Amino acid sequence: MIGRLNHVAIAVPNLDAAIATYRNALGATVSKPQAEPDHGVTVVFVELPNTKIELLEPLGEGSPIQAFLDKNPSGGMHHVCYEVDDIIGARDRLTAEGARVLGSGEPKIGAHGKPVLFLHPKDLCGTLVELEQA
C-alpha cells in the first residue's frame, strides 16, 4: 500500500536559521519558503537525491507545530510522509485496521498541491505519519 518515502519533516523554531544551516553548512538546495495556512505552517524543502527534508515553522495562532516546539524548544523530527496511489483507499484500509486519521478524516491539499492525511502516532509505532497521494 505505501510507496516511496516522500519526505521527513523537521519542526524548527527559526526557519531562516534552519535554511542557513542546510544551505551553508550542508551545501543543500533549499526551496523558497511557502506559507501553508490550512496546515498552520511555513515550509521549505531540502532536496536530496532520493527524497526531501521538509523544514516546518509555525504559522499563525493555533499552529500544531507550536505545540510540538513547546515540548521540544530546539525542534526535531515531526513526521514522515509516505506516498500512496489511492489516498481514500489507504485511509479506509487503515481505519478498518484501527488507525485514527487526524482532523476531519478528509484529505487536505498539502504543500505539493496533492491530497494529504495525517495518522495518529499512537497507532503507527509512535510516529506521526502523513500520507500523500502520489
N, C-alpha and C. Protein backbone atom coordinates (compact mmCIF):
# COMPACT_ATOMS: atom_id res chain seq x y z
N MET A 1 0.82 -1.19 0.00
CA MET A 1 0.00 0.00 0.00
C MET A 1 0.87 1.26 0.00
N ILE A 2 1.85 1.38 0.91
CA ILE A 2 2.65 2.60 0.90
C ILE A 2 3.70 2.51 -0.19
N GLY A 3 4.00 3.67 -0.73
CA GLY A 3 5.02 3.77 -1.76
C GLY A 3 6.30 4.33 -1.18
N ARG A 4 6.93 5.18 -1.96
CA ARG A 4 8.23 5.70 -1.54
C ARG A 4 8.09 6.72 -0.43
N LEU A 5 9.19 6.90 0.28
CA LEU A 5 9.27 7.95 1.30
C LEU A 5 9.32 9.28 0.57
N ASN A 6 8.32 10.13 0.81
CA ASN A 6 8.28 11.43 0.14
C ASN A 6 9.18 12.43 0.86
N HIS A 7 9.04 12.50 2.20
CA HIS A 7 9.90 13.41 2.97
C HIS A 7 9.87 13.07 4.45
N VAL A 8 10.87 13.58 5.14
CA VAL A 8 10.92 13.58 6.60
C VAL A 8 10.79 15.04 7.01
N ALA A 9 9.88 15.33 7.93
CA ALA A 9 9.62 16.70 8.35
C ALA A 9 10.29 16.98 9.69
N ILE A 10 10.94 18.13 9.75
CA ILE A 10 11.62 18.58 10.96
C ILE A 10 11.03 19.92 11.36
N ALA A 11 10.47 19.99 12.57
CA ALA A 11 9.95 21.24 13.10
C ALA A 11 11.12 22.06 13.60
N VAL A 12 11.11 23.36 13.28
CA VAL A 12 12.20 24.24 13.69
C VAL A 12 11.62 25.51 14.30
N PRO A 13 12.32 26.07 15.30
CA PRO A 13 11.83 27.31 15.90
C PRO A 13 12.14 28.54 15.05
N ASN A 14 13.13 28.45 14.15
CA ASN A 14 13.53 29.59 13.32
C ASN A 14 13.86 29.07 11.93
N LEU A 15 12.96 29.28 10.99
CA LEU A 15 13.11 28.74 9.65
C LEU A 15 14.33 29.33 8.94
N ASP A 16 14.57 30.63 9.09
CA ASP A 16 15.72 31.25 8.43
C ASP A 16 17.03 30.63 8.91
N ALA A 17 17.15 30.39 10.21
CA ALA A 17 18.37 29.77 10.75
C ALA A 17 18.51 28.34 10.23
N ALA A 18 17.40 27.61 10.15
CA ALA A 18 17.46 26.23 9.65
C ALA A 18 17.85 26.20 8.18
N ILE A 19 17.31 27.13 7.39
CA ILE A 19 17.67 27.22 5.98
C ILE A 19 19.16 27.47 5.84
N ALA A 20 19.68 28.39 6.63
CA ALA A 20 21.11 28.71 6.58
C ALA A 20 21.95 27.49 6.92
N THR A 21 21.53 26.72 7.91
CA THR A 21 22.28 25.52 8.29
C THR A 21 22.33 24.54 7.13
N TYR A 22 21.18 24.25 6.53
CA TYR A 22 21.14 23.28 5.45
C TYR A 22 21.85 23.80 4.20
N ARG A 23 21.65 25.07 3.88
CA ARG A 23 22.23 25.63 2.66
C ARG A 23 23.74 25.86 2.82
N ASN A 24 24.15 26.48 3.92
CA ASN A 24 25.55 26.88 4.09
C ASN A 24 26.42 25.76 4.65
N ALA A 25 25.99 25.15 5.72
CA ALA A 25 26.82 24.12 6.36
C ALA A 25 26.79 22.80 5.59
N LEU A 26 25.61 22.43 5.08
CA LEU A 26 25.48 21.14 4.41
C LEU A 26 25.51 21.24 2.88
N GLY A 27 25.47 22.44 2.35
CA GLY A 27 25.53 22.61 0.90
C GLY A 27 24.30 22.13 0.15
N ALA A 28 23.16 22.15 0.80
CA ALA A 28 21.93 21.62 0.21
C ALA A 28 21.21 22.68 -0.61
N THR A 29 20.40 22.22 -1.55
CA THR A 29 19.49 23.07 -2.29
C THR A 29 18.19 23.15 -1.49
N VAL A 30 17.78 24.36 -1.18
CA VAL A 30 16.59 24.59 -0.35
C VAL A 30 15.59 25.44 -1.13
N SER A 31 14.33 25.03 -1.13
CA SER A 31 13.28 25.77 -1.83
C SER A 31 13.00 27.09 -1.13
N LYS A 32 12.21 27.92 -1.78
CA LYS A 32 11.75 29.17 -1.16
C LYS A 32 10.69 28.83 -0.11
N PRO A 33 10.59 29.65 0.95
CA PRO A 33 9.53 29.42 1.95
C PRO A 33 8.14 29.52 1.33
N GLN A 34 7.28 28.64 1.81
CA GLN A 34 5.90 28.56 1.31
C GLN A 34 4.97 28.52 2.51
N ALA A 35 4.10 29.52 2.63
CA ALA A 35 3.11 29.54 3.70
C ALA A 35 1.99 28.56 3.38
N GLU A 36 1.63 27.76 4.36
CA GLU A 36 0.52 26.80 4.24
C GLU A 36 -0.47 27.07 5.36
N PRO A 37 -1.30 28.12 5.21
CA PRO A 37 -2.20 28.50 6.30
C PRO A 37 -3.19 27.42 6.71
N ASP A 38 -3.62 26.56 5.78
CA ASP A 38 -4.56 25.48 6.14
C ASP A 38 -3.93 24.48 7.09
N HIS A 39 -2.60 24.42 7.11
CA HIS A 39 -1.88 23.48 7.98
C HIS A 39 -1.17 24.20 9.12
N GLY A 40 -1.20 25.53 9.14
CA GLY A 40 -0.59 26.30 10.21
C GLY A 40 0.93 26.28 10.21
N VAL A 41 1.53 26.20 9.02
CA VAL A 41 2.98 26.13 8.93
C VAL A 41 3.50 26.93 7.74
N THR A 42 4.77 27.31 7.84
CA THR A 42 5.55 27.76 6.70
C THR A 42 6.59 26.68 6.47
N VAL A 43 6.78 26.27 5.21
CA VAL A 43 7.66 25.14 4.90
C VAL A 43 8.68 25.51 3.85
N VAL A 44 9.79 24.80 3.90
CA VAL A 44 10.75 24.74 2.80
C VAL A 44 11.10 23.28 2.61
N PHE A 45 11.57 22.95 1.41
CA PHE A 45 12.00 21.58 1.15
C PHE A 45 13.48 21.58 0.80
N VAL A 46 14.21 20.71 1.47
CA VAL A 46 15.61 20.47 1.19
C VAL A 46 15.64 19.30 0.22
N GLU A 47 16.18 19.52 -0.96
CA GLU A 47 16.20 18.49 -2.00
C GLU A 47 17.39 17.56 -1.80
N LEU A 48 17.12 16.28 -1.75
CA LEU A 48 18.14 15.25 -1.64
C LEU A 48 18.03 14.34 -2.86
N PRO A 49 19.06 13.57 -3.18
CA PRO A 49 18.97 12.70 -4.36
C PRO A 49 17.84 11.68 -4.31
N ASN A 50 17.46 11.22 -3.10
CA ASN A 50 16.49 10.14 -3.01
C ASN A 50 15.19 10.52 -2.29
N THR A 51 15.12 11.72 -1.71
CA THR A 51 13.92 12.16 -1.01
C THR A 51 14.05 13.64 -0.69
N LYS A 52 13.24 14.14 0.24
CA LYS A 52 13.31 15.53 0.67
C LYS A 52 13.25 15.59 2.20
N ILE A 53 13.77 16.69 2.72
CA ILE A 53 13.57 17.05 4.12
C ILE A 53 12.67 18.27 4.10
N GLU A 54 11.61 18.25 4.88
CA GLU A 54 10.70 19.39 4.99
C GLU A 54 11.01 20.07 6.31
N LEU A 55 11.35 21.35 6.26
CA LEU A 55 11.55 22.13 7.47
C LEU A 55 10.28 22.93 7.72
N LEU A 56 9.73 22.83 8.93
CA LEU A 56 8.44 23.43 9.29
C LEU A 56 8.61 24.47 10.38
N GLU A 57 7.96 25.60 10.21
CA GLU A 57 7.93 26.64 11.23
C GLU A 57 6.47 26.99 11.48
N PRO A 58 6.08 27.27 12.73
CA PRO A 58 4.68 27.63 12.99
C PRO A 58 4.25 28.86 12.20
N LEU A 59 2.99 28.84 11.78
CA LEU A 59 2.38 29.97 11.08
C LEU A 59 1.05 30.25 11.74
N GLY A 60 0.92 31.40 12.35
CA GLY A 60 -0.35 31.80 12.95
C GLY A 60 -0.61 31.14 14.30
N GLU A 61 -1.65 31.63 14.93
CA GLU A 61 -2.03 31.10 16.23
C GLU A 61 -2.67 29.73 16.07
N GLY A 62 -2.43 28.86 17.01
CA GLY A 62 -3.02 27.53 16.97
C GLY A 62 -2.29 26.56 16.06
N SER A 63 -1.09 26.91 15.62
CA SER A 63 -0.33 26.00 14.77
C SER A 63 0.00 24.72 15.53
N PRO A 64 -0.24 23.55 14.92
CA PRO A 64 0.12 22.31 15.60
C PRO A 64 1.63 22.18 15.80
N ILE A 65 2.41 22.88 14.99
CA ILE A 65 3.86 22.84 15.15
C ILE A 65 4.28 23.58 16.41
N GLN A 66 3.56 24.63 16.79
CA GLN A 66 3.91 25.37 18.01
C GLN A 66 3.80 24.47 19.23
N ALA A 67 2.77 23.66 19.30
CA ALA A 67 2.62 22.74 20.43
C ALA A 67 3.80 21.77 20.48
N PHE A 68 4.24 21.30 19.32
CA PHE A 68 5.41 20.42 19.25
C PHE A 68 6.65 21.15 19.75
N LEU A 69 6.84 22.41 19.30
CA LEU A 69 8.03 23.17 19.71
C LEU A 69 7.98 23.56 21.18
N ASP A 70 6.78 23.72 21.75
CA ASP A 70 6.68 23.99 23.19
C ASP A 70 7.27 22.84 23.99
N LYS A 71 7.10 21.61 23.49
CA LYS A 71 7.64 20.42 24.16
C LYS A 71 9.09 20.16 23.77
N ASN A 72 9.49 20.65 22.58
CA ASN A 72 10.83 20.42 22.03
C ASN A 72 11.37 21.74 21.51
N PRO A 73 11.81 22.64 22.40
CA PRO A 73 12.17 24.00 22.00
C PRO A 73 13.25 24.11 20.92
N SER A 74 14.12 23.13 20.83
CA SER A 74 15.16 23.16 19.79
C SER A 74 14.67 22.61 18.46
N GLY A 75 13.46 22.04 18.45
CA GLY A 75 12.92 21.42 17.25
C GLY A 75 13.21 19.93 17.23
N GLY A 76 12.90 19.30 16.12
CA GLY A 76 13.15 17.87 15.99
C GLY A 76 12.26 17.26 14.93
N MET A 77 12.46 15.95 14.72
CA MET A 77 11.67 15.25 13.72
C MET A 77 10.19 15.29 14.10
N HIS A 78 9.36 15.72 13.17
CA HIS A 78 7.94 15.86 13.43
C HIS A 78 7.12 14.72 12.82
N HIS A 79 7.39 14.39 11.55
CA HIS A 79 6.64 13.31 10.91
C HIS A 79 7.38 12.77 9.70
N VAL A 80 6.91 11.62 9.22
CA VAL A 80 7.38 11.07 7.96
C VAL A 80 6.20 11.04 7.00
N CYS A 81 6.49 11.21 5.72
CA CYS A 81 5.43 11.22 4.70
C CYS A 81 5.69 10.13 3.68
N TYR A 82 4.70 9.26 3.51
CA TYR A 82 4.76 8.19 2.53
C TYR A 82 3.77 8.48 1.40
N GLU A 83 4.14 8.13 0.21
CA GLU A 83 3.23 8.25 -0.93
C GLU A 83 2.33 7.02 -1.01
N VAL A 84 1.09 7.27 -1.42
CA VAL A 84 0.13 6.19 -1.67
C VAL A 84 -0.54 6.47 -3.01
N ASP A 85 -0.90 5.41 -3.72
CA ASP A 85 -1.56 5.57 -5.01
C ASP A 85 -3.00 6.04 -4.87
N ASP A 86 -3.66 5.62 -3.79
CA ASP A 86 -5.08 5.92 -3.59
C ASP A 86 -5.27 6.34 -2.13
N ILE A 87 -5.32 7.64 -1.88
CA ILE A 87 -5.36 8.12 -0.50
C ILE A 87 -6.66 7.73 0.21
N ILE A 88 -7.76 7.72 -0.50
CA ILE A 88 -9.04 7.33 0.12
C ILE A 88 -9.02 5.83 0.43
N GLY A 89 -8.55 5.03 -0.50
CA GLY A 89 -8.43 3.59 -0.24
C GLY A 89 -7.49 3.29 0.91
N ALA A 90 -6.37 4.02 0.98
CA ALA A 90 -5.42 3.84 2.08
C ALA A 90 -6.06 4.23 3.41
N ARG A 91 -6.77 5.36 3.41
CA ARG A 91 -7.46 5.80 4.63
C ARG A 91 -8.46 4.76 5.10
N ASP A 92 -9.26 4.25 4.17
CA ASP A 92 -10.30 3.29 4.54
C ASP A 92 -9.68 1.99 5.06
N ARG A 93 -8.61 1.54 4.43
CA ARG A 93 -7.94 0.32 4.88
C ARG A 93 -7.34 0.51 6.28
N LEU A 94 -6.69 1.64 6.49
CA LEU A 94 -6.06 1.91 7.78
C LEU A 94 -7.09 2.08 8.89
N THR A 95 -8.17 2.79 8.62
CA THR A 95 -9.19 2.96 9.66
C THR A 95 -9.87 1.63 9.98
N ALA A 96 -10.02 0.77 8.98
CA ALA A 96 -10.58 -0.57 9.22
C ALA A 96 -9.65 -1.38 10.13
N GLU A 97 -8.36 -1.08 10.09
CA GLU A 97 -7.36 -1.76 10.94
C GLU A 97 -7.23 -1.08 12.30
N GLY A 98 -7.98 0.02 12.52
CA GLY A 98 -7.97 0.69 13.82
C GLY A 98 -7.15 1.96 13.89
N ALA A 99 -6.53 2.37 12.81
CA ALA A 99 -5.75 3.61 12.82
C ALA A 99 -6.71 4.81 12.82
N ARG A 100 -6.29 5.87 13.48
CA ARG A 100 -7.09 7.09 13.53
C ARG A 100 -6.50 8.15 12.61
N VAL A 101 -7.37 8.75 11.80
CA VAL A 101 -6.97 9.86 10.95
C VAL A 101 -7.21 11.14 11.75
N LEU A 102 -6.22 12.02 11.75
CA LEU A 102 -6.37 13.28 12.47
C LEU A 102 -7.23 14.26 11.68
N GLY A 103 -7.85 15.18 12.40
CA GLY A 103 -8.71 16.17 11.75
C GLY A 103 -10.05 15.57 11.37
N SER A 104 -10.59 16.06 10.26
CA SER A 104 -11.92 15.64 9.83
C SER A 104 -11.95 14.25 9.21
N GLY A 105 -10.78 13.73 8.85
CA GLY A 105 -10.72 12.45 8.17
C GLY A 105 -10.72 12.59 6.66
N GLU A 106 -10.97 13.80 6.19
CA GLU A 106 -10.95 14.07 4.75
C GLU A 106 -9.59 14.67 4.37
N PRO A 107 -9.07 14.30 3.22
CA PRO A 107 -7.78 14.85 2.79
C PRO A 107 -7.84 16.37 2.61
N LYS A 108 -6.70 17.01 2.92
CA LYS A 108 -6.49 18.43 2.62
C LYS A 108 -5.41 18.50 1.56
N ILE A 109 -5.32 19.62 0.90
CA ILE A 109 -4.25 19.81 -0.08
C ILE A 109 -2.98 20.21 0.67
N GLY A 110 -1.90 19.48 0.41
CA GLY A 110 -0.63 19.72 1.09
C GLY A 110 0.28 20.65 0.31
N ALA A 111 1.51 20.77 0.78
CA ALA A 111 2.49 21.70 0.21
C ALA A 111 2.87 21.37 -1.23
N HIS A 112 2.67 20.13 -1.65
CA HIS A 112 2.99 19.76 -3.03
C HIS A 112 1.77 19.86 -3.95
N GLY A 113 0.66 20.40 -3.40
CA GLY A 113 -0.55 20.53 -4.21
C GLY A 113 -1.32 19.24 -4.37
N LYS A 114 -1.03 18.26 -3.53
CA LYS A 114 -1.68 16.95 -3.61
C LYS A 114 -2.42 16.67 -2.30
N PRO A 115 -3.44 15.80 -2.34
CA PRO A 115 -4.17 15.47 -1.11
C PRO A 115 -3.28 14.75 -0.08
N VAL A 116 -3.45 15.14 1.19
CA VAL A 116 -2.70 14.53 2.29
C VAL A 116 -3.63 14.24 3.47
N LEU A 117 -3.22 13.27 4.27
CA LEU A 117 -3.87 12.92 5.53
C LEU A 117 -2.79 12.65 6.56
N PHE A 118 -3.10 12.87 7.84
CA PHE A 118 -2.18 12.53 8.92
C PHE A 118 -2.81 11.45 9.79
N LEU A 119 -1.99 10.51 10.22
CA LEU A 119 -2.43 9.40 11.05
C LEU A 119 -1.85 9.52 12.44
N HIS A 120 -2.65 9.18 13.44
CA HIS A 120 -2.26 9.34 14.84
C HIS A 120 -1.00 8.53 15.17
N PRO A 121 -0.02 9.17 15.81
CA PRO A 121 1.23 8.46 16.13
C PRO A 121 1.05 7.24 17.04
N LYS A 122 0.06 7.26 17.89
CA LYS A 122 -0.14 6.12 18.80
C LYS A 122 -0.56 4.86 18.05
N ASP A 123 -1.03 5.04 16.82
CA ASP A 123 -1.46 3.90 16.03
C ASP A 123 -0.39 3.40 15.07
N LEU A 124 0.72 4.15 14.96
CA LEU A 124 1.77 3.80 13.99
C LEU A 124 3.16 3.87 14.64
N CYS A 125 3.33 3.07 15.67
CA CYS A 125 4.64 2.87 16.30
C CYS A 125 5.23 4.16 16.86
N GLY A 126 4.38 5.08 17.32
CA GLY A 126 4.86 6.29 17.94
C GLY A 126 5.31 7.37 16.98
N THR A 127 4.98 7.23 15.69
CA THR A 127 5.41 8.22 14.69
C THR A 127 4.20 8.82 13.99
N LEU A 128 4.16 10.15 13.94
CA LEU A 128 3.14 10.83 13.15
C LEU A 128 3.42 10.55 11.69
N VAL A 129 2.43 10.03 10.98
CA VAL A 129 2.61 9.64 9.57
C VAL A 129 1.66 10.48 8.71
N GLU A 130 2.24 11.05 7.67
CA GLU A 130 1.47 11.75 6.65
C GLU A 130 1.41 10.84 5.42
N LEU A 131 0.24 10.74 4.84
CA LEU A 131 0.07 10.05 3.56
C LEU A 131 -0.19 11.10 2.50
N GLU A 132 0.49 10.97 1.36
CA GLU A 132 0.29 11.91 0.25
C GLU A 132 -0.06 11.13 -1.00
N GLN A 133 -1.10 11.59 -1.70
CA GLN A 133 -1.48 10.98 -2.96
C GLN A 133 -0.32 11.11 -3.94
N ALA A 134 0.10 10.00 -4.53
CA ALA A 134 1.24 10.00 -5.47
C ALA A 134 0.84 10.61 -6.80
